[in-house]
PDB file of N, CA and C in Angstrom:
ATOM      1  N   MET A   1     -17.682 -22.728 -14.204  1.00  0.00           N
ATOM      2  CA  MET A   1     -17.292 -22.010 -13.001  1.00  0.00           C
ATOM      3  C   MET A   1     -15.811 -21.613 -13.058  1.00  0.00           C
ATOM      4  N   PHE A   2     -14.975 -22.511 -13.553  1.00  0.00           N
ATOM      5  CA  PHE A   2     -13.555 -22.204 -13.662  1.00  0.00           C
ATOM      6  C   PHE A   2     -13.336 -20.997 -14.571  1.00  0.00           C
ATOM      7  N   LEU A   3     -14.071 -20.958 -15.657  1.00  0.00           N
ATOM      8  CA  LEU A   3     -13.945 -19.848 -16.601  1.00  0.00           C
ATOM      9  C   LEU A   3     -14.297 -18.522 -15.927  1.00  0.00           C
ATOM     10  N   TYR A   4     -15.355 -18.527 -15.112  1.00  0.00           N
ATOM     11  CA  TYR A   4     -15.756 -17.316 -14.386  1.00  0.00           C
ATOM     12  C   TYR A   4     -14.644 -16.873 -13.444  1.00  0.00           C
ATOM     13  N   TYR A   5     -14.061 -17.820 -12.704  1.00  0.00           N
ATOM     14  CA  TYR A   5     -12.986 -17.490 -11.767  1.00  0.00           C
ATOM     15  C   TYR A   5     -11.793 -16.901 -12.514  1.00  0.00           C
ATOM     16  N   ARG A   6     -11.427 -17.533 -13.632  1.00  0.00           N
ATOM     17  CA  ARG A   6     -10.287 -17.057 -14.404  1.00  0.00           C
ATOM     18  C   ARG A   6     -10.543 -15.651 -14.945  1.00  0.00           C
ATOM     19  N   ASP A   7     -11.754 -15.412 -15.450  1.00  0.00           N
ATOM     20  CA  ASP A   7     -12.087 -14.085 -15.965  1.00  0.00           C
ATOM     21  C   ASP A   7     -12.064 -13.042 -14.856  1.00  0.00           C
ATOM     22  N   THR A   8     -12.572 -13.404 -13.681  1.00  0.00           N
ATOM     23  CA  THR A   8     -12.558 -12.497 -12.536  1.00  0.00           C
ATOM     24  C   THR A   8     -11.128 -12.197 -12.118  1.00  0.00           C
ATOM     25  N   GLN A   9     -10.298 -13.226 -12.095  1.00  0.00           N
ATOM     26  CA  GLN A   9      -8.898 -13.046 -11.716  1.00  0.00           C
ATOM     27  C   GLN A   9      -8.182 -12.145 -12.722  1.00  0.00           C
ATOM     28  N   ASN A  10      -8.428 -12.353 -14.003  1.00  0.00           N
ATOM     29  CA  ASN A  10      -7.816 -11.498 -15.028  1.00  0.00           C
ATOM     30  C   ASN A  10      -8.272 -10.050 -14.879  1.00  0.00           C
ATOM     31  N   ALA A  11      -9.554  -9.858 -14.609  1.00  0.00           N
ATOM     32  CA  ALA A  11     -10.085  -8.500 -14.429  1.00  0.00           C
ATOM     33  C   ALA A  11      -9.447  -7.834 -13.219  1.00  0.00           C
ATOM     34  N   THR A  12      -9.261  -8.594 -12.156  1.00  0.00           N
ATOM     35  CA  THR A  12      -8.639  -8.054 -10.951  1.00  0.00           C
ATOM     36  C   THR A  12      -7.212  -7.608 -11.239  1.00  0.00           C
ATOM     37  N   GLU A  13      -6.463  -8.420 -11.955  1.00  0.00           N
ATOM     38  CA  GLU A  13      -5.087  -8.054 -12.304  1.00  0.00           C
ATOM     39  C   GLU A  13      -5.054  -6.835 -13.222  1.00  0.00           C
ATOM     40  N   GLU A  14      -5.991  -6.764 -14.146  1.00  0.00           N
ATOM     41  CA  GLU A  14      -6.063  -5.595 -15.025  1.00  0.00           C
ATOM     42  C   GLU A  14      -6.383  -4.341 -14.224  1.00  0.00           C
ATOM     43  N   ASP A  15      -7.314  -4.455 -13.278  1.00  0.00           N
ATOM     44  CA  ASP A  15      -7.657  -3.318 -12.422  1.00  0.00           C
ATOM     45  C   ASP A  15      -6.445  -2.874 -11.605  1.00  0.00           C
ATOM     46  N   TRP A  16      -5.683  -3.840 -11.096  1.00  0.00           N
ATOM     47  CA  TRP A  16      -4.502  -3.525 -10.298  1.00  0.00           C
ATOM     48  C   TRP A  16      -3.471  -2.791 -11.157  1.00  0.00           C
ATOM     49  N   THR A  17      -3.299  -3.228 -12.384  1.00  0.00           N
ATOM     50  CA  THR A  17      -2.362  -2.577 -13.296  1.00  0.00           C
ATOM     51  C   THR A  17      -2.776  -1.129 -13.555  1.00  0.00           C
ATOM     52  N   VAL A  18      -4.063  -0.913 -13.734  1.00  0.00           N
ATOM     53  CA  VAL A  18      -4.564   0.450 -13.935  1.00  0.00           C
ATOM     54  C   VAL A  18      -4.308   1.288 -12.683  1.00  0.00           C
ATOM     55  N   LEU A  19      -4.587   0.725 -11.516  1.00  0.00           N
ATOM     56  CA  LEU A  19      -4.367   1.445 -10.261  1.00  0.00           C
ATOM     57  C   LEU A  19      -2.894   1.820 -10.103  1.00  0.00           C
ATOM     58  N   LEU A  20      -2.001   0.893 -10.377  1.00  0.00           N
ATOM     59  CA  LEU A  20      -0.569   1.182 -10.257  1.00  0.00           C
ATOM     60  C   LEU A  20      -0.138   2.303 -11.197  1.00  0.00           C
ATOM     61  N   SER A  21      -0.775   2.400 -12.333  1.00  0.00           N
ATOM     62  CA  SER A  21      -0.412   3.451 -13.290  1.00  0.00           C
ATOM     63  C   SER A  21      -0.747   4.846 -12.763  1.00  0.00           C
ATOM     64  N   LEU A  22      -1.589   4.929 -11.748  1.00  0.00           N
ATOM     65  CA  LEU A  22      -1.971   6.219 -11.170  1.00  0.00           C
ATOM     66  C   LEU A  22      -0.978   6.717 -10.121  1.00  0.00           C
ATOM     67  N   PHE A  23      -0.101   5.831  -9.667  1.00  0.00           N
ATOM     68  CA  PHE A  23       0.875   6.221  -8.656  1.00  0.00           C
ATOM     69  C   PHE A  23       2.029   6.976  -9.303  1.00  0.00           C
ATOM     70  N   PRO A  24       2.680   7.848  -8.528  1.00  0.00           N
ATOM     71  CA  PRO A  24       3.774   8.644  -9.090  1.00  0.00           C
ATOM     72  C   PRO A  24       4.942   7.765  -9.540  1.00  0.00           C
ATOM     73  N   GLU A  25       5.654   8.258 -10.514  1.00  0.00           N
ATOM     74  CA  GLU A  25       6.818   7.534 -11.011  1.00  0.00           C
ATOM     75  C   GLU A  25       7.818   7.325  -9.873  1.00  0.00           C
ATOM     76  N   GLY A  26       8.358   6.136  -9.784  1.00  0.00           N
ATOM     77  CA  GLY A  26       9.357   5.828  -8.764  1.00  0.00           C
ATOM     78  C   GLY A  26       8.790   5.450  -7.412  1.00  0.00           C
ATOM     79  N   TRP A  27       7.487   5.217  -7.328  1.00  0.00           N
ATOM     80  CA  TRP A  27       6.874   4.883  -6.031  1.00  0.00           C
ATOM     81  C   TRP A  27       7.491   3.629  -5.432  1.00  0.00           C
ATOM     82  N   ASP A  28       7.809   2.647  -6.263  1.00  0.00           N
ATOM     83  CA  ASP A  28       8.387   1.405  -5.762  1.00  0.00           C
ATOM     84  C   ASP A  28       9.841   1.610  -5.322  1.00  0.00           C
ATOM     85  N   ARG A  29      10.581   2.429  -6.043  1.00  0.00           N
ATOM     86  CA  ARG A  29      11.961   2.744  -5.675  1.00  0.00           C
ATOM     87  C   ARG A  29      11.993   3.480  -4.328  1.00  0.00           C
ATOM     88  N   GLN A  30      11.030   4.378  -4.120  1.00  0.00           N
ATOM     89  CA  GLN A  30      10.953   5.126  -2.859  1.00  0.00           C
ATOM     90  C   GLN A  30      10.728   4.200  -1.669  1.00  0.00           C
ATOM     91  N   ALA A  31      10.006   3.111  -1.884  1.00  0.00           N
ATOM     92  CA  ALA A  31       9.782   2.152  -0.792  1.00  0.00           C
ATOM     93  C   ALA A  31      11.111   1.627  -0.275  1.00  0.00           C
ATOM     94  N   LYS A  32      12.028   1.369  -1.176  1.00  0.00           N
ATOM     95  CA  LYS A  32      13.352   0.871  -0.783  1.00  0.00           C
ATOM     96  C   LYS A  32      14.190   1.983  -0.171  1.00  0.00           C
ATOM     97  N   GLU A  33      14.149   3.170  -0.783  1.00  0.00           N
ATOM     98  CA  GLU A  33      14.980   4.283  -0.323  1.00  0.00           C
ATOM     99  C   GLU A  33      14.567   4.804   1.049  1.00  0.00           C
ATOM    100  N   THR A  34      13.293   4.707   1.384  1.00  0.00           N
ATOM    101  CA  THR A  34      12.819   5.222   2.674  1.00  0.00           C
ATOM    102  C   THR A  34      12.825   4.168   3.777  1.00  0.00           C
ATOM    103  N   GLY A  35      13.215   2.943   3.460  1.00  0.00           N
ATOM    104  CA  GLY A  35      13.328   1.904   4.480  1.00  0.00           C
ATOM    105  C   GLY A  35      12.108   1.026   4.645  1.00  0.00           C
ATOM    106  N   ALA A  36      11.077   1.234   3.850  1.00  0.00           N
ATOM    107  CA  ALA A  36       9.871   0.407   3.965  1.00  0.00           C
ATOM    108  C   ALA A  36      10.152  -1.044   3.590  1.00  0.00           C
ATOM    109  N   MET A  37      11.134  -1.259   2.730  1.00  0.00           N
ATOM    110  CA  MET A  37      11.473  -2.612   2.289  1.00  0.00           C
ATOM    111  C   MET A  37      12.780  -3.097   2.911  1.00  0.00           C
ATOM    112  N   GLU A  38      13.132  -2.516   4.055  1.00  0.00           N
ATOM    113  CA  GLU A  38      14.389  -2.856   4.706  1.00  0.00           C
ATOM    114  C   GLU A  38      14.484  -4.350   5.006  1.00  0.00           C
ATOM    115  N   ARG A  39      13.440  -4.898   5.576  1.00  0.00           N
ATOM    116  CA  ARG A  39      13.370  -6.340   5.845  1.00  0.00           C
ATOM    117  C   ARG A  39      12.422  -6.938   4.838  1.00  0.00           C
ATOM    118  N   GLN A  40      12.848  -7.978   4.163  1.00  0.00           N
ATOM    119  CA  GLN A  40      12.018  -8.519   3.104  1.00  0.00           C
ATOM    120  C   GLN A  40      11.353  -9.840   3.469  1.00  0.00           C
ATOM    121  N   SER A  41      11.464 -10.281   4.695  1.00  0.00           N
ATOM    122  CA  SER A  41      10.853 -11.563   5.045  1.00  0.00           C
ATOM    123  C   SER A  41       9.335 -11.487   4.895  1.00  0.00           C
ATOM    124  N   GLY A  42       8.800 -12.397   4.097  1.00  0.00           N
ATOM    125  CA  GLY A  42       7.356 -12.448   3.883  1.00  0.00           C
ATOM    126  C   GLY A  42       6.867 -11.534   2.780  1.00  0.00           C
ATOM    127  N   ILE A  43       7.535 -10.423   2.569  1.00  0.00           N
ATOM    128  CA  ILE A  43       7.139  -9.457   1.538  1.00  0.00           C
ATOM    129  C   ILE A  43       8.394  -9.106   0.742  1.00  0.00           C
ATOM    130  N   LYS A  44       8.419  -9.522  -0.497  1.00  0.00           N
ATOM    131  CA  LYS A  44       9.632  -9.371  -1.308  1.00  0.00           C
ATOM    132  C   LYS A  44       9.655  -8.112  -2.174  1.00  0.00           C
ATOM    133  N   ILE A  45       8.474  -7.613  -2.553  1.00  0.00           N
ATOM    134  CA  ILE A  45       8.436  -6.462  -3.463  1.00  0.00           C
ATOM    135  C   ILE A  45       7.494  -5.386  -2.921  1.00  0.00           C
ATOM    136  N   PRO A  46       7.757  -4.125  -3.239  1.00  0.00           N
ATOM    137  CA  PRO A  46       6.923  -3.025  -2.756  1.00  0.00           C
ATOM    138  C   PRO A  46       5.454  -3.152  -3.164  1.00  0.00           C
ATOM    139  N   GLU A  47       5.197  -3.732  -4.310  1.00  0.00           N
ATOM    140  CA  GLU A  47       3.821  -3.895  -4.779  1.00  0.00           C
ATOM    141  C   GLU A  47       2.990  -4.715  -3.791  1.00  0.00           C
ATOM    142  N   THR A  48       3.589  -5.758  -3.230  1.00  0.00           N
ATOM    143  CA  THR A  48       2.885  -6.585  -2.246  1.00  0.00           C
ATOM    144  C   THR A  48       2.587  -5.781  -0.991  1.00  0.00           C
ATOM    145  N   LEU A  49       3.562  -5.015  -0.538  1.00  0.00           N
ATOM    146  CA  LEU A  49       3.370  -4.187   0.649  1.00  0.00           C
ATOM    147  C   LEU A  49       2.252  -3.173   0.424  1.00  0.00           C
ATOM    148  N   LEU A  50       2.238  -2.562  -0.741  1.00  0.00           N
ATOM    149  CA  LEU A  50       1.189  -1.605  -1.080  1.00  0.00           C
ATOM    150  C   LEU A  50      -0.184  -2.276  -1.083  1.00  0.00           C
ATOM    151  N   ARG A  51      -0.272  -3.464  -1.647  1.00  0.00           N
ATOM    152  CA  ARG A  51      -1.546  -4.200  -1.655  1.00  0.00           C
ATOM    153  C   ARG A  51      -2.028  -4.480  -0.235  1.00  0.00           C
ATOM    154  N   LEU A  52      -1.111  -4.868   0.636  1.00  0.00           N
ATOM    155  CA  LEU A  52      -1.490  -5.147   2.026  1.00  0.00           C
ATOM    156  C   LEU A  52      -1.996  -3.890   2.722  1.00  0.00           C
ATOM    157  N   PHE A  53      -1.304  -2.774   2.516  1.00  0.00           N
ATOM    158  CA  PHE A  53      -1.739  -1.524   3.137  1.00  0.00           C
ATOM    159  C   PHE A  53      -3.106  -1.102   2.620  1.00  0.00           C
ATOM    160  N   LEU A  54      -3.337  -1.283   1.335  1.00  0.00           N
ATOM    161  CA  LEU A  54      -4.640  -0.919   0.771  1.00  0.00           C
ATOM    162  C   LEU A  54      -5.747  -1.826   1.301  1.00  0.00           C
ATOM    163  N   LEU A  55      -5.453  -3.095   1.488  1.00  0.00           N
ATOM    164  CA  LEU A  55      -6.443  -3.985   2.109  1.00  0.00           C
ATOM    165  C   LEU A  55      -6.795  -3.483   3.504  1.00  0.00           C
ATOM    166  N   HIS A  56      -5.766  -3.138   4.250  1.00  0.00           N
ATOM    167  CA  HIS A  56      -5.971  -2.693   5.631  1.00  0.00           C
ATOM    168  C   HIS A  56      -6.700  -1.351   5.697  1.00  0.00           C
ATOM    169  N   VAL A  57      -6.245  -0.382   4.923  1.00  0.00           N
ATOM    170  CA  VAL A  57      -6.790   0.971   5.014  1.00  0.00           C
ATOM    171  C   VAL A  57      -8.056   1.144   4.182  1.00  0.00           C
ATOM    172  N   ALA A  58      -7.977   0.815   2.908  1.00  0.00           N
ATOM    173  CA  ALA A  58      -9.108   1.079   2.010  1.00  0.00           C
ATOM    174  C   ALA A  58     -10.293   0.157   2.273  1.00  0.00           C
ATOM    175  N   ARG A  59     -10.013  -1.081   2.616  1.00  0.00           N
ATOM    176  CA  ARG A  59     -11.105  -2.018   2.889  1.00  0.00           C
ATOM    177  C   ARG A  59     -11.515  -2.004   4.360  1.00  0.00           C
ATOM    178  N   GLY A  60     -10.697  -1.420   5.207  1.00  0.00           N
ATOM    179  CA  GLY A  60     -11.044  -1.325   6.619  1.00  0.00           C
ATOM    180  C   GLY A  60     -10.824  -2.610   7.398  1.00  0.00           C
ATOM    181  N   TYR A  61     -10.011  -3.506   6.855  1.00  0.00           N
ATOM    182  CA  TYR A  61      -9.738  -4.759   7.557  1.00  0.00           C
ATOM    183  C   TYR A  61      -8.797  -4.501   8.723  1.00  0.00           C
ATOM    184  N   SER A  62      -8.966  -5.266   9.778  1.00  0.00           N
ATOM    185  CA  SER A  62      -8.020  -5.196  10.886  1.00  0.00           C
ATOM    186  C   SER A  62      -6.686  -5.756  10.402  1.00  0.00           C
ATOM    187  N   LEU A  63      -5.643  -5.530  11.174  1.00  0.00           N
ATOM    188  CA  LEU A  63      -4.337  -6.073  10.803  1.00  0.00           C
ATOM    189  C   LEU A  63      -4.392  -7.595  10.736  1.00  0.00           C
ATOM    190  N   ARG A  64      -5.086  -8.195  11.682  1.00  0.00           N
ATOM    191  CA  ARG A  64      -5.198  -9.663  11.703  1.00  0.00           C
ATOM    192  C   ARG A  64      -5.948 -10.162  10.473  1.00  0.00           C
ATOM    193  N   GLU A  65      -7.065  -9.517  10.156  1.00  0.00           N
ATOM    194  CA  GLU A  65      -7.847  -9.938   8.996  1.00  0.00           C
ATOM    195  C   GLU A  65      -7.060  -9.724   7.700  1.00  0.00           C
ATOM    196  N   THR A  66      -6.311  -8.653   7.632  1.00  0.00           N
ATOM    197  CA  THR A  66      -5.472  -8.401   6.460  1.00  0.00           C
ATOM    198  C   THR A  66      -4.441  -9.509   6.301  1.00  0.00           C
ATOM    199  N   ALA A  67      -3.804  -9.894   7.413  1.00  0.00           N
ATOM    200  CA  ALA A  67      -2.794 -10.957   7.369  1.00  0.00           C
ATOM    201  C   ALA A  67      -3.411 -12.281   6.934  1.00  0.00           C
ATOM    202  N   VAL A  68      -4.602 -12.589   7.439  1.00  0.00           N
ATOM    203  CA  VAL A  68      -5.284 -13.834   7.071  1.00  0.00           C
ATOM    204  C   VAL A  68      -5.643 -13.824   5.589  1.00  0.00           C
ATOM    205  N   ARG A  69      -6.212 -12.735   5.123  1.00  0.00           N
ATOM    206  CA  ARG A  69      -6.594 -12.638   3.704  1.00  0.00           C
ATOM    207  C   ARG A  69      -5.366 -12.705   2.792  1.00  0.00           C
ATOM    208  N   ALA A  70      -4.279 -12.105   3.220  1.00  0.00           N
ATOM    209  CA  ALA A  70      -3.049 -12.148   2.424  1.00  0.00           C
ATOM    210  C   ALA A  70      -2.547 -13.583   2.292  1.00  0.00           C
ATOM    211  N   LYS A  71      -2.604 -14.318   3.380  1.00  0.00           N
ATOM    212  CA  LYS A  71      -2.146 -15.710   3.343  1.00  0.00           C
ATOM    213  C   LYS A  71      -3.078 -16.568   2.496  1.00  0.00           C
ATOM    214  N   GLU A  72      -4.391 -16.410   2.688  1.00  0.00           N
ATOM    215  CA  GLU A  72      -5.366 -17.208   1.935  1.00  0.00           C
ATOM    216  C   GLU A  72      -5.270 -16.960   0.434  1.00  0.00           C
ATOM    217  N   SER A  73      -4.958 -15.746   0.051  1.00  0.00           N
ATOM    218  CA  SER A  73      -4.887 -15.409  -1.377  1.00  0.00           C
ATOM    219  C   SER A  73      -3.523 -15.723  -1.987  1.00  0.00           C
ATOM    220  N   GLY A  74      -2.557 -16.074  -1.135  1.00  0.00           N
ATOM    221  CA  GLY A  74      -1.213 -16.345  -1.629  1.00  0.00           C
ATOM    222  C   GLY A  74      -0.391 -15.087  -1.848  1.00  0.00           C
ATOM    223  N   LEU A  75      -0.893 -13.975  -1.372  1.00  0.00           N
ATOM    224  CA  LEU A  75      -0.204 -12.696  -1.545  1.00  0.00           C
ATOM    225  C   LEU A  75       1.063 -12.628  -0.694  1.00  0.00           C
ATOM    226  N   ALA A  76       0.937 -12.984   0.587  1.00  0.00           N
ATOM    227  CA  ALA A  76       2.081 -12.933   1.501  1.00  0.00           C
ATOM    228  C   ALA A  76       1.753 -13.731   2.751  1.00  0.00           C
ATOM    229  N   THR A  77       2.788 -14.164   3.420  1.00  0.00           N
ATOM    230  CA  THR A  77       2.623 -14.804   4.716  1.00  0.00           C
ATOM    231  C   THR A  77       3.281 -13.896   5.741  1.00  0.00           C
ATOM    232  N   ILE A  78       2.440 -13.239   6.532  1.00  0.00           N
ATOM    233  CA  ILE A  78       2.920 -12.280   7.522  1.00  0.00           C
ATOM    234  C   ILE A  78       1.915 -12.248   8.666  1.00  0.00           C
ATOM    235  N   SER A  79       2.396 -12.045   9.876  1.00  0.00           N
ATOM    236  CA  SER A  79       1.499 -11.952  11.028  1.00  0.00           C
ATOM    237  C   SER A  79       0.947 -10.539  11.137  1.00  0.00           C
ATOM    238  N   ASP A  80      -0.071 -10.389  11.964  1.00  0.00           N
ATOM    239  CA  ASP A  80      -0.620  -9.055  12.178  1.00  0.00           C
ATOM    240  C   ASP A  80       0.418  -8.139  12.828  1.00  0.00           C
ATOM    241  N   VAL A  81       1.223  -8.691  13.725  1.00  0.00           N
ATOM    242  CA  VAL A  81       2.276  -7.901  14.374  1.00  0.00           C
ATOM    243  C   VAL A  81       3.346  -7.516  13.348  1.00  0.00           C
ATOM    244  N   GLY A  82       3.698  -8.452  12.485  1.00  0.00           N
ATOM    245  CA  GLY A  82       4.663  -8.160  11.424  1.00  0.00           C
ATOM    246  C   GLY A  82       4.160  -7.070  10.495  1.00  0.00           C
ATOM    247  N   LEU A  83       2.866  -7.118  10.197  1.00  0.00           N
ATOM    248  CA  LEU A  83       2.266  -6.101   9.335  1.00  0.00           C
ATOM    249  C   LEU A  83       2.281  -4.730  10.016  1.00  0.00           C
ATOM    250  N   LEU A  84       2.004  -4.709  11.308  1.00  0.00           N
ATOM    251  CA  LEU A  84       2.058  -3.454  12.059  1.00  0.00           C
ATOM    252  C   LEU A  84       3.468  -2.863  12.025  1.00  0.00           C
ATOM    253  N   LYS A  85       4.474  -3.709  12.204  1.00  0.00           N
ATOM    254  CA  LYS A  85       5.861  -3.232  12.157  1.00  0.00           C
ATOM    255  C   LYS A  85       6.195  -2.676  10.779  1.00  0.00           C
ATOM    256  N   ARG A  86       5.718  -3.344   9.734  1.00  0.00           N
ATOM    257  CA  ARG A  86       5.943  -2.859   8.369  1.00  0.00           C
ATOM    258  C   ARG A  86       5.259  -1.515   8.152  1.00  0.00           C
ATOM    259  N   LEU A  87       4.059  -1.382   8.683  1.00  0.00           N
ATOM    260  CA  LEU A  87       3.317  -0.130   8.552  1.00  0.00           C
ATOM    261  C   LEU A  87       4.084   1.006   9.225  1.00  0.00           C
ATOM    262  N   ARG A  88       4.616   0.738  10.403  1.00  0.00           N
ATOM    263  CA  ARG A  88       5.394   1.759  11.118  1.00  0.00           C
ATOM    264  C   ARG A  88       6.666   2.134  10.366  1.00  0.00           C
ATOM    265  N   ARG A  89       7.337   1.135   9.789  1.00  0.00           N
ATOM    266  CA  ARG A  89       8.570   1.412   9.034  1.00  0.00           C
ATOM    267  C   ARG A  89       8.284   2.107   7.705  1.00  0.00           C
ATOM    268  N   SER A  90       7.046   2.089   7.291  1.00  0.00           N
ATOM    269  CA  SER A  90       6.672   2.651   5.986  1.00  0.00           C
ATOM    270  C   SER A  90       6.158   4.078   6.070  1.00  0.00           C
ATOM    271  N   GLU A  91       6.225   4.678   7.239  1.00  0.00           N
ATOM    272  CA  GLU A  91       5.670   6.021   7.419  1.00  0.00           C
ATOM    273  C   GLU A  91       6.237   7.024   6.419  1.00  0.00           C
ATOM    274  N   ASP A  92       7.549   7.042   6.245  1.00  0.00           N
ATOM    275  CA  ASP A  92       8.163   8.000   5.312  1.00  0.00           C
ATOM    276  C   ASP A  92       7.739   7.724   3.871  1.00  0.00           C
ATOM    277  N   TRP A  93       7.655   6.457   3.516  1.00  0.00           N
ATOM    278  CA  TRP A  93       7.235   6.086   2.163  1.00  0.00           C
ATOM    279  C   TRP A  93       5.793   6.515   1.906  1.00  0.00           C
ATOM    280  N   LEU A  94       4.916   6.225   2.855  1.00  0.00           N
ATOM    281  CA  LEU A  94       3.508   6.584   2.690  1.00  0.00           C
ATOM    282  C   LEU A  94       3.328   8.102   2.659  1.00  0.00           C
ATOM    283  N   HIS A  95       4.122   8.814   3.458  1.00  0.00           N
ATOM    284  CA  HIS A  95       4.076  10.279   3.429  1.00  0.00           C
ATOM    285  C   HIS A  95       4.502  10.781   2.052  1.00  0.00           C
ATOM    286  N   TRP A  96       5.571  10.215   1.527  1.00  0.00           N
ATOM    287  CA  TRP A  96       6.032  10.601   0.187  1.00  0.00           C
ATOM    288  C   TRP A  96       4.944  10.338  -0.857  1.00  0.00           C
ATOM    289  N   LEU A  97       4.337   9.145  -0.786  1.00  0.00           N
ATOM    290  CA  LEU A  97       3.275   8.794  -1.737  1.00  0.00           C
ATOM    291  C   LEU A  97       2.129   9.799  -1.684  1.00  0.00           C
ATOM    292  N   CYS A  98       1.650  10.084  -0.490  1.00  0.00           N
ATOM    293  CA  CYS A  98       0.525  11.021  -0.326  1.00  0.00           C
ATOM    294  C   CYS A  98       0.896  12.412  -0.820  1.00  0.00           C
ATOM    295  N   THR A  99       2.091  12.866  -0.464  1.00  0.00           N
ATOM    296  CA  THR A  99       2.545  14.188  -0.895  1.00  0.00           C
ATOM    297  C   THR A  99       2.583  14.282  -2.415  1.00  0.00           C
ATOM    298  N   GLN A 100       3.119  13.258  -3.048  1.00  0.00           N
ATOM    299  CA  GLN A 100       3.205  13.249  -4.512  1.00  0.00           C
ATOM    300  C   GLN A 100       1.823  13.203  -5.155  1.00  0.00           C
ATOM    301  N   LEU A 101       0.946  12.371  -4.618  1.00  0.00           N
ATOM    302  CA  LEU A 101      -0.387  12.223  -5.210  1.00  0.00           C
ATOM    303  C   LEU A 101      -1.201  13.510  -5.124  1.00  0.00           C
ATOM    304  N   VAL A 102      -1.174  14.174  -3.979  1.00  0.00           N
ATOM    305  CA  VAL A 102      -1.972  15.400  -3.868  1.00  0.00           C
ATOM    306  C   VAL A 102      -1.328  16.557  -4.621  1.00  0.00           C
ATOM    307  N   SER A 103      -0.002  16.565  -4.721  1.00  0.00           N
ATOM    308  CA  SER A 103       0.646  17.658  -5.457  1.00  0.00           C
ATOM    309  C   SER A 103       0.326  17.580  -6.945  1.00  0.00           C
ATOM    310  N   GLU A 104       0.054  16.384  -7.444  1.00  0.00           N
ATOM    311  CA  GLU A 104      -0.345  16.239  -8.848  1.00  0.00           C
ATOM    312  C   GLU A 104      -1.690  16.908  -9.110  1.00  0.00           C
ATOM    313  N   ASN A 105      -2.458  17.136  -8.050  1.00  0.00           N
ATOM    314  CA  ASN A 105      -3.758  17.801  -8.165  1.00  0.00           C
ATOM    315  C   ASN A 105      -3.682  19.270  -7.781  1.00  0.00           C
ATOM    316  N   GLY A 106      -2.467  19.800  -7.665  1.00  0.00           N
ATOM    317  CA  GLY A 106      -2.294  21.218  -7.388  1.00  0.00           C
ATOM    318  C   GLY A 106      -2.329  21.590  -5.922  1.00  0.00           C
ATOM    319  N   VAL A 107      -2.353  20.630  -5.029  1.00  0.00           N
ATOM    320  CA  VAL A 107      -2.368  20.904  -3.593  1.00  0.00           C
ATOM    321  C   VAL A 107      -0.932  20.864  -3.095  1.00  0.00           C
ATOM    322  N   ARG A 108      -0.531  21.888  -2.369  1.00  0.00           N
ATOM    323  CA  ARG A 108       0.823  21.918  -1.806  1.00  0.00           C
ATOM    324  C   ARG A 108       0.786  21.398  -0.389  1.00  0.00           C
ATOM    325  N   MET A 109       1.647  20.454  -0.118  1.00  0.00           N
ATOM    326  CA  MET A 109       1.755  19.877   1.220  1.00  0.00           C
ATOM    327  C   MET A 109       3.170  20.089   1.733  1.00  0.00           C
ATOM    328  N   PRO A 110       3.335  20.104   3.053  1.00  0.00           N
ATOM    329  CA  PRO A 110       4.690  20.195   3.606  1.00  0.00           C
ATOM    330  C   PRO A 110       5.514  18.994   3.154  1.00  0.00           C
ATOM    331  N   GLN A 111       6.763  19.224   2.801  1.00  0.00           N
ATOM    332  CA  GLN A 111       7.631  18.124   2.380  1.00  0.00           C
ATOM    333  C   GLN A 111       8.110  17.309   3.575  1.00  0.00           C
ATOM    334  N   GLN A 112       8.185  17.943   4.728  1.00  0.00           N
ATOM    335  CA  GLN A 112       8.584  17.242   5.942  1.00  0.00           C
ATOM    336  C   GLN A 112       7.348  16.935   6.770  1.00  0.00           C
ATOM    337  N   LYS A 113       7.338  15.785   7.400  1.00  0.00           N
ATOM    338  CA  LYS A 113       6.171  15.378   8.180  1.00  0.00           C
ATOM    339  C   LYS A 113       5.857  16.344   9.314  1.00  0.00           C
ATOM    340  N   ASP A 114       6.879  16.950   9.894  1.00  0.00           N
ATOM    341  CA  ASP A 114       6.680  17.771  11.086  1.00  0.00           C
ATOM    342  C   ASP A 114       6.408  19.238  10.781  1.00  0.00           C
ATOM    343  N   GLN A 115       6.181  19.594   9.542  1.00  0.00           N
ATOM    344  CA  GLN A 115       6.009  21.000   9.180  1.00  0.00           C
ATOM    345  C   GLN A 115       4.589  21.505   9.358  1.00  0.00           C
ATOM    346  N   GLY A 116       3.694  20.691   9.712  1.00  0.00           N
ATOM    347  CA  GLY A 116       2.325  21.150   9.895  1.00  0.00           C
ATOM    348  C   GLY A 116       1.375  19.977   9.980  1.00  0.00           C
ATOM    349  N   ALA A 117       0.290  20.210  10.652  1.00  0.00           N
ATOM    350  CA  ALA A 117      -0.704  19.148  10.792  1.00  0.00           C
ATOM    351  C   ALA A 117      -1.769  19.307   9.720  1.00  0.00           C
ATOM    352  N   ILE A 118      -2.126  18.214   9.125  1.00  0.00           N
ATOM    353  CA  ILE A 118      -3.202  18.213   8.141  1.00  0.00           C
ATOM    354  C   ILE A 118      -4.342  17.410   8.736  1.00  0.00           C
ATOM    355  N   ARG A 119      -5.492  17.997   8.729  1.00  0.00           N
ATOM    356  CA  ARG A 119      -6.658  17.339   9.287  1.00  0.00           C
ATOM    357  C   ARG A 119      -7.649  17.065   8.166  1.00  0.00           C
ATOM    358  N   ILE A 120      -8.061  15.838   8.060  1.00  0.00           N
ATOM    359  CA  ILE A 120      -9.059  15.468   7.064  1.00  0.00           C
ATOM    360  C   ILE A 120     -10.337  15.133   7.813  1.00  0.00           C
ATOM    361  N   VAL A 121     -11.401  15.817   7.458  1.00  0.00           N
ATOM    362  CA  VAL A 121     -12.678  15.619   8.142  1.00  0.00           C
ATOM    363  C   VAL A 121     -13.699  15.130   7.134  1.00  0.00           C
ATOM    364  N   ASP A 122     -14.366  14.068   7.478  1.00  0.00           N
ATOM    365  CA  ASP A 122     -15.422  13.521   6.629  1.00  0.00           C
ATOM    366  C   ASP A 122     -16.740  13.845   7.303  1.00  0.00           C
ATOM    367  N   GLY A 123     -17.520  14.714   6.706  1.00  0.00           N
ATOM    368  CA  GLY A 123     -18.728  15.180   7.361  1.00  0.00           C
ATOM    369  C   GLY A 123     -19.941  14.869   6.681  1.00  0.00           C
TER     370      GLY A 123
END
């Protein structure tokens, strides 16, 4: 059983490394420059913050459930309110990330958040 857990953990880390390679160059530096990493209590590196946001958004976990899972996994110790504050402070960083990711696919997006509304519809 231990061997299975270790292999699963290694696979998860390998998958995470592959995922990080898909992000634009300097994504972690932008987290600091845009103020997302202004306060480091509970979250020391941008990679941890990104993992928390992906748990919340991609997995659909509530802020509370994300905070609980982060603590149980040893990822970070942060409250749901603390996570919400981090999410709000990360708006510019997340906008930069999204803009960079879609522009790599030939889609032009406004560089400023207030330059236009983008609506995504899942039908």
